Amino acid sequence: MYDLQTLARQLVEKPRGILAMDESLGTIRERLQAVGLESTKKIEELTEKC
């Protein structure tokens, strides 16, 4: 069992980090397309849950 401080450190240790997104699906699609990725139904479902 982890204590809160240990868990927090593990979440942000390199190469990890916390991503905060407050964007519409349309903006996310544009960002993915800009780097050559397709916005799939699975990606859209995952981003809606965040």
Protein backbone atom coordinates (compact mmCIF):
# COMPACT_ATOMS: atom_id res chain seq x y z
CA MET A 1 0.00 0.00 0.00
CA TYR A 2 1.30 3.44 -0.92
CA ASP A 3 1.08 6.57 1.09
CA LEU A 4 -0.08 9.74 -0.66
CA GLN A 5 3.39 11.35 -0.89
CA THR A 6 4.94 8.24 -2.45
CA LEU A 7 2.13 7.98 -4.97
CA ALA A 8 2.38 11.68 -5.88
CA ARG A 9 6.14 11.41 -6.45
CA GLN A 10 5.70 8.38 -8.68
CA LEU A 11 3.06 10.12 -10.77
CA VAL A 12 5.35 13.01 -11.68
CA GLU A 13 8.80 11.41 -11.81
CA LYS A 14 10.47 11.59 -15.21
CA PRO A 15 9.52 10.67 -17.89
CA ARG A 16 5.98 10.88 -16.52
CA GLY A 17 3.93 13.91 -15.73
CA ILE A 18 0.40 15.13 -15.33
CA LEU A 19 -1.46 16.38 -18.37
CA ALA A 20 -4.35 18.76 -17.84
CA MET A 21 -6.59 19.12 -20.88
CA ASP A 22 -9.49 21.47 -21.25
CA GLU A 23 -10.06 21.28 -24.98
CA SER A 24 -12.91 20.27 -27.24
CA LEU A 25 -12.78 17.09 -29.29
CA GLY A 26 -12.42 19.25 -32.39
CA THR A 27 -9.28 20.89 -31.02
CA ILE A 28 -7.88 17.53 -29.96
CA ARG A 29 -8.51 16.15 -33.48
CA GLU A 30 -6.66 19.12 -34.99
CA ARG A 31 -3.69 18.64 -32.64
CA LEU A 32 -3.49 14.93 -33.45
CA GLN A 33 -3.70 15.59 -37.20
CA ALA A 34 -0.94 18.19 -36.91
CA VAL A 35 1.46 15.48 -35.73
CA GLY A 36 0.24 12.87 -38.21
CA LEU A 37 -2.09 10.90 -35.93
CA GLU A 38 -5.68 9.89 -36.55
CA SER A 39 -8.37 10.64 -34.01
CA THR A 40 -10.03 7.27 -33.48
CA LYS A 41 -13.24 6.51 -31.61
CA LYS A 42 -11.14 4.94 -28.82
CA ILE A 43 -9.03 8.10 -28.41
CA GLU A 44 -12.17 10.24 -28.33
CA GLU A 45 -13.73 8.00 -25.66
CA LEU A 46 -10.58 8.21 -23.56
CA THR A 47 -10.38 12.00 -23.81
CA GLU A 48 -14.04 12.38 -22.85
CA LYS A 49 -13.37 10.45 -19.62
CA CYS A 50 -10.54 12.76 -18.57
